[in-house]
Amino acid sequence: MSACAANSIQDVVIIGGGMIGATAACALGQQGMSVTIVEAREPEHFEAHADYDLRVSAVSPGSEMILRAIGAWDMIEATRVCPYRQMHVWDAGGSGEIHFDCVDVNEPRLGYIVENRVIQRALIECMSRIDEVTWRCPDALIRFEVSDDAVAIELNSDEWIRARLLVGADGLQSRVRELAGIAFNKRDYDQCALVATVATELPHAHTAWQRFLPEGVLAFLPLPDGRCSIVWSTDEERARFLRMMNDSTFCDALAEAF
C-alpha cells in the first residue's frame, strides 16, 4: 500500500473497510486507480488454532470468482473453508420442501461457508500488495463537500482527502448515506438472529439445512471440522429466553426446533 499525498486527488475514497469495501478497493486498485479506504475499527485478529468465528458467510460461485480475480481466494481457501454441495429447505408448518444438489447443475459445489474474519484477513493482505491502495485504519469520515470536479472528505484524523468518487460501504448506520441526505425506509421485524457453533449427532454431509418455523428461520451451516454454525432467527423475547439457557437445555430446544 502507498501513502497518499495530502494535496493529490484520489480516484476513489471508500468509507468502510469490511468485506464489500475491501473487495472494491482491491478490484479498483488492480485497475490502476488510486484508492484510499477508511475503516474505523481495527480488523479482528485471526489465530489459525482459534475456535471458529460465530459470524460466517455463504460464498456463492459468483463471489468466489470475484475473490479469485483479485487474488484473495487462495489465502481464504488455504485457511479454512467448507464447501456445501447440497441445500435442504423445509417448512415446519406444512409439507413444503425443496432440495438443491450441485450434481443437478454439473458443479462440484453450490458454494462455501467461510468465517467473515477469514475473508477480511485475506482482503487486507491482498490490499497490502497493491501500491495504488492506501489503508487508513483506525479513521472515520467526519463530513464531505462536493464541488464540480471532486469530493473533499474530512476525516477524524483532521486530514482532508480529495477524490473523484466517494463510495459509502459503511454498513447499516452509514455516515455517507446520512451526510448525503439519502432517504430510506425501515421497519422493525421484531426478530433477532441467535448464532452459535454446535456439534451434531449425525454428519452435516456438506449440506446447508434450513427449516422455516412460525417465528423465523433456523439454519445449520457446515463447518470444516464437522460442526455446524447455526443462525436461529426468532422474536426478541424468545431469543432472550434461549440466551439464558444452559448448554444442555439449549441443545434440547434446538433439537426440537430442528
Protein backbone atom coordinates (compact mmCIF):
# COMPACT_ATOMS: atom_id res chain seq x y z
CA MET A 1 0.00 0.00 0.00
CA SER A 2 1.07 3.54 -0.62
CA ALA A 3 0.67 6.70 1.42
CA CYS A 4 -1.38 9.28 -0.48
CA ALA A 5 -0.09 12.81 -0.80
CA ALA A 6 -2.12 15.35 1.12
CA ASN A 7 -2.92 17.59 -1.89
CA SER A 8 -3.30 14.92 -4.55
CA ILE A 9 -6.67 13.89 -5.94
CA GLN A 10 -7.50 10.25 -5.43
CA ASP A 11 -9.64 8.46 -7.95
CA VAL A 12 -11.78 6.85 -5.24
CA VAL A 13 -12.24 7.12 -1.49
CA ILE A 14 -14.12 4.21 0.11
CA ILE A 15 -15.63 4.66 3.56
CA GLY A 16 -15.89 1.23 5.19
CA GLY A 17 -13.23 -1.46 5.12
CA GLY A 18 -15.42 -4.52 5.58
CA MET A 19 -15.77 -7.29 3.04
CA ILE A 20 -17.59 -5.13 0.48
CA GLY A 21 -15.39 -2.05 0.74
CA ALA A 22 -12.15 -4.05 0.80
CA THR A 23 -13.18 -6.10 -2.24
CA ALA A 24 -13.98 -2.90 -4.14
CA ALA A 25 -10.63 -1.37 -3.11
CA CYS A 26 -8.69 -4.39 -4.39
CA ALA A 27 -10.59 -4.51 -7.68
CA LEU A 28 -10.23 -0.79 -8.37
CA GLY A 29 -6.60 -0.64 -7.25
CA GLN A 30 -5.68 -3.50 -9.56
CA GLN A 31 -7.16 -1.49 -12.43
CA GLY A 32 -4.61 1.24 -11.72
CA MET A 33 -6.94 3.60 -9.85
CA SER A 34 -5.67 5.42 -6.78
CA VAL A 35 -7.84 4.36 -3.84
CA THR A 36 -8.00 5.37 -0.19
CA ILE A 37 -10.08 3.11 2.04
CA VAL A 38 -11.11 4.32 5.51
CA GLU A 39 -12.10 1.96 8.32
CA ALA A 40 -12.99 2.95 11.88
CA ARG A 41 -12.13 -0.32 13.66
CA GLU A 42 -9.01 -2.43 13.60
CA PRO A 43 -9.68 -5.81 11.95
CA GLU A 44 -10.21 -8.72 14.29
CA HIS A 45 -7.03 -10.70 14.88
CA PHE A 46 -7.07 -14.20 13.44
CA GLU A 47 -5.38 -17.21 15.03
CA ALA A 48 -5.18 -20.38 12.96
CA HIS A 49 -5.86 -22.56 16.01
CA ALA A 50 -8.67 -20.39 17.43
CA ASP A 51 -12.23 -21.66 17.50
CA TYR A 52 -14.50 -20.80 14.62
CA ASP A 53 -15.93 -17.30 14.47
CA LEU A 54 -19.65 -17.02 15.14
CA ARG A 55 -20.04 -14.83 12.04
CA VAL A 56 -19.89 -16.79 8.79
CA SER A 57 -20.97 -16.11 5.22
CA ALA A 58 -22.17 -18.32 2.40
CA VAL A 59 -19.89 -17.57 -0.55
CA SER A 60 -21.56 -18.25 -3.90
CA PRO A 61 -19.62 -19.31 -7.03
CA GLY A 62 -20.03 -15.75 -8.34
CA SER A 63 -18.46 -14.28 -5.21
CA GLU A 64 -15.72 -16.91 -5.31
CA MET A 65 -14.95 -15.82 -8.87
CA ILE A 66 -14.59 -12.19 -7.79
CA LEU A 67 -12.33 -13.13 -4.86
CA ARG A 68 -10.20 -15.27 -7.17
CA ALA A 69 -9.90 -12.44 -9.69
CA ILE A 70 -8.49 -10.04 -7.10
CA GLY A 71 -6.12 -12.66 -5.65
CA ALA A 72 -7.77 -13.18 -2.27
CA TRP A 73 -9.32 -16.62 -2.71
CA ASP A 74 -6.14 -18.72 -2.50
CA MET A 75 -5.46 -17.39 1.00
CA ILE A 76 -9.07 -17.93 2.05
CA GLU A 77 -9.08 -21.50 0.77
CA ALA A 78 -5.72 -22.25 2.40
CA THR A 79 -7.02 -21.03 5.79
CA ARG A 80 -10.31 -22.85 6.35
CA VAL A 81 -13.44 -23.11 4.27
CA CYS A 82 -16.20 -25.70 4.00
CA PRO A 83 -17.85 -26.42 0.65
CA TYR A 84 -21.55 -27.18 0.70
CA ARG A 85 -22.82 -29.44 -2.03
CA GLN A 86 -26.50 -29.59 -1.14
CA MET A 87 -29.13 -27.36 0.38
CA HIS A 88 -32.23 -28.73 2.05
CA VAL A 89 -35.05 -26.35 2.97
CA TRP A 90 -38.38 -27.33 4.51
CA ASP A 91 -41.40 -25.85 6.24
CA ALA A 92 -42.17 -26.76 9.84
CA GLY A 93 -45.81 -25.77 9.39
CA GLY A 94 -46.58 -27.81 6.27
CA SER A 95 -45.29 -30.29 3.73
CA GLY A 96 -43.39 -27.83 1.55
CA GLU A 97 -39.71 -28.56 0.95
CA ILE A 98 -37.04 -28.01 -1.66
CA HIS A 99 -33.68 -29.66 -2.24
CA PHE A 100 -30.73 -28.36 -4.26
CA ASP A 101 -27.80 -30.56 -5.30
CA CYS A 102 -24.63 -29.44 -7.08
CA VAL A 103 -24.84 -32.56 -9.26
CA ASP A 104 -28.02 -31.20 -10.83
CA VAL A 105 -26.13 -28.16 -12.14
CA ASN A 106 -22.92 -30.06 -13.03
CA GLU A 107 -20.85 -28.23 -10.44
CA PRO A 108 -18.59 -29.66 -7.70
CA ARG A 109 -20.28 -27.47 -5.07
CA LEU A 110 -23.03 -24.91 -4.57
CA GLY A 111 -20.74 -22.62 -2.57
CA TYR A 112 -18.65 -22.34 0.59
CA ILE A 113 -19.25 -21.45 4.22
CA VAL A 114 -16.44 -19.13 5.33
CA GLU A 115 -15.80 -17.16 8.50
CA ASN A 116 -16.10 -13.41 7.93
CA ARG A 117 -12.76 -12.73 9.59
CA VAL A 118 -11.01 -15.19 7.25
CA ILE A 119 -12.36 -13.31 4.24
CA GLN A 120 -11.44 -9.97 5.80
CA ARG A 121 -7.89 -11.09 6.60
CA ALA A 122 -7.33 -12.24 3.01
CA LEU A 123 -8.67 -8.98 1.58
CA ILE A 124 -6.40 -6.87 3.79
CA GLU A 125 -3.42 -8.98 2.73
CA CYS A 126 -4.49 -8.51 -0.88
CA MET A 127 -4.70 -4.71 -0.42
CA SER A 128 -1.23 -4.62 1.16
CA ARG A 129 0.24 -5.83 -2.15
CA ILE A 130 -1.38 -3.08 -4.23
CA ASP A 131 0.61 0.16 -4.38
CA GLU A 132 -2.41 2.15 -5.53
CA VAL A 133 -4.40 1.37 -2.36
CA THR A 134 -3.98 3.37 0.87
CA TRP A 135 -5.46 1.77 4.02
CA ARG A 136 -6.42 4.25 6.75
CA CYS A 137 -7.37 2.50 9.97
CA PRO A 138 -8.48 3.47 12.52
CA ASP A 139 -10.01 6.58 10.99
CA ALA A 140 -13.50 7.78 10.16
CA LEU A 141 -15.47 10.17 7.99
CA ILE A 142 -16.49 13.48 9.58
CA ARG A 143 -18.01 15.28 6.60
CA PHE A 144 -17.59 15.88 2.89
CA GLU A 145 -18.09 18.72 0.42
CA VAL A 146 -18.96 18.19 -3.24
CA SER A 147 -17.63 20.50 -5.95
CA ASP A 148 -17.78 20.32 -9.73
CA ASP A 149 -14.67 18.20 -10.13
CA ALA A 150 -14.08 16.47 -6.77
CA VAL A 151 -15.32 15.50 -3.35
CA ALA A 152 -13.41 16.90 -0.36
CA ILE A 153 -13.51 14.45 2.55
CA GLU A 154 -12.66 15.38 6.13
CA LEU A 155 -11.52 12.54 8.36
CA ASN A 156 -11.45 12.13 12.11
CA SER A 157 -7.65 12.38 11.95
CA ASP A 158 -8.07 16.06 10.87
CA GLU A 159 -6.90 15.25 7.36
CA TRP A 160 -8.68 16.13 4.14
CA ILE A 161 -8.65 13.96 1.03
CA ARG A 162 -9.91 14.99 -2.38
CA ALA A 163 -11.35 12.34 -4.66
CA ARG A 164 -13.27 12.00 -7.90
CA LEU A 165 -15.64 9.48 -6.33
CA LEU A 166 -16.77 8.77 -2.76
CA VAL A 167 -18.11 5.27 -2.05
CA GLY A 168 -20.19 4.50 1.02
CA ALA A 169 -19.56 0.93 2.15
CA ASP A 170 -20.05 1.71 5.82
CA GLY A 171 -22.93 -0.56 6.66
CA LEU A 172 -26.30 -0.21 8.33
CA GLN A 173 -25.62 3.12 10.07
CA SER A 174 -23.93 4.64 7.02
CA ARG A 175 -22.39 8.04 7.69
CA VAL A 176 -22.04 8.59 3.93
CA ARG A 177 -25.77 7.99 3.42
CA GLU A 178 -26.63 10.29 6.33
CA LEU A 179 -24.46 13.17 5.10
CA ALA A 180 -25.67 12.72 1.52
CA GLY A 181 -29.26 13.03 2.70
CA ILE A 182 -30.30 9.75 1.07
CA ALA A 183 -33.74 8.78 2.34
CA PHE A 184 -34.63 5.19 3.18
CA ASN A 185 -37.47 3.30 4.78
CA LYS A 186 -37.11 0.81 7.60
CA ARG A 187 -39.34 -1.24 9.85
CA ASP A 188 -38.78 -3.46 12.86
CA TYR A 189 -39.37 -7.16 12.19
CA ASP A 190 -39.19 -7.87 15.95
CA GLN A 191 -36.59 -10.54 15.28
CA CYS A 192 -33.11 -11.39 16.46
CA ALA A 193 -30.60 -13.77 14.91
CA LEU A 194 -29.06 -16.06 17.52
CA VAL A 195 -25.72 -17.53 16.38
CA ALA A 196 -23.73 -20.43 17.82
CA THR A 197 -21.42 -23.29 16.87
CA VAL A 198 -22.79 -26.75 17.62
CA ALA A 199 -21.79 -30.39 17.24
CA THR A 200 -24.43 -32.67 15.72
CA GLU A 201 -25.06 -36.35 16.31
CA LEU A 202 -25.10 -37.09 12.57
CA PRO A 203 -22.61 -35.70 9.99
CA HIS A 204 -23.65 -32.49 8.23
CA ALA A 205 -22.92 -34.18 4.86
CA HIS A 206 -21.68 -30.87 3.40
CA THR A 207 -25.29 -29.72 3.34
CA ALA A 208 -26.81 -26.38 4.33
CA TRP A 209 -30.05 -27.06 6.22
CA GLN A 210 -32.84 -24.53 6.69
CA ARG A 211 -36.13 -25.01 8.50
CA PHE A 212 -38.85 -22.37 8.32
CA LEU A 213 -40.52 -22.02 11.71
CA PRO A 214 -43.57 -19.87 12.55
CA GLU A 215 -41.36 -17.25 14.24
CA GLY A 216 -38.38 -17.35 11.86
CA VAL A 217 -35.77 -19.50 10.13
CA LEU A 218 -33.32 -21.96 11.69
CA ALA A 219 -30.22 -22.64 9.58
CA PHE A 220 -27.43 -25.18 10.06
CA LEU A 221 -24.32 -24.29 8.02
CA PRO A 222 -21.49 -26.84 7.69
CA LEU A 223 -18.01 -26.13 9.07
CA PRO A 224 -14.73 -27.86 8.10
CA ASP A 225 -14.31 -29.66 11.46
CA GLY A 226 -17.69 -31.40 11.19
CA ARG A 227 -19.62 -29.00 13.39
CA CYS A 228 -22.25 -26.53 12.21
CA SER A 229 -22.69 -22.80 12.55
CA ILE A 230 -26.33 -22.11 13.36
CA VAL A 231 -28.34 -18.97 12.72
CA TRP A 232 -31.64 -19.05 14.59
CA SER A 233 -33.96 -16.18 13.69
CA THR A 234 -36.71 -15.70 16.21
CA ASP A 235 -38.60 -12.98 18.07
CA GLU A 236 -36.73 -10.91 20.65
CA GLU A 237 -38.46 -12.43 23.68
CA ARG A 238 -37.70 -15.98 22.52
CA ALA A 239 -34.09 -15.03 21.73
CA ARG A 240 -33.58 -13.63 25.25
CA PHE A 241 -35.06 -16.81 26.72
CA LEU A 242 -32.75 -19.01 24.61
CA ARG A 243 -29.67 -16.99 25.57
CA MET A 244 -30.34 -17.60 29.27
CA MET A 245 -30.46 -21.39 28.88
CA ASN A 246 -27.57 -23.64 29.90
CA ASP A 247 -25.96 -25.70 27.13
CA SER A 248 -27.97 -28.85 27.78
CA THR A 249 -31.35 -27.09 27.82
CA PHE A 250 -30.43 -25.05 24.76
CA CYS A 251 -29.45 -28.18 22.82
CA ASP A 252 -32.80 -29.77 23.70
CA ALA A 253 -34.66 -26.68 22.44
CA LEU A 254 -32.51 -26.61 19.31
CA ALA A 255 -33.16 -30.27 18.54
CA GLU A 256 -36.90 -29.76 18.98
CA ALA A 257 -36.92 -26.74 16.67
CA PHE A 258 -34.88 -28.55 14.02
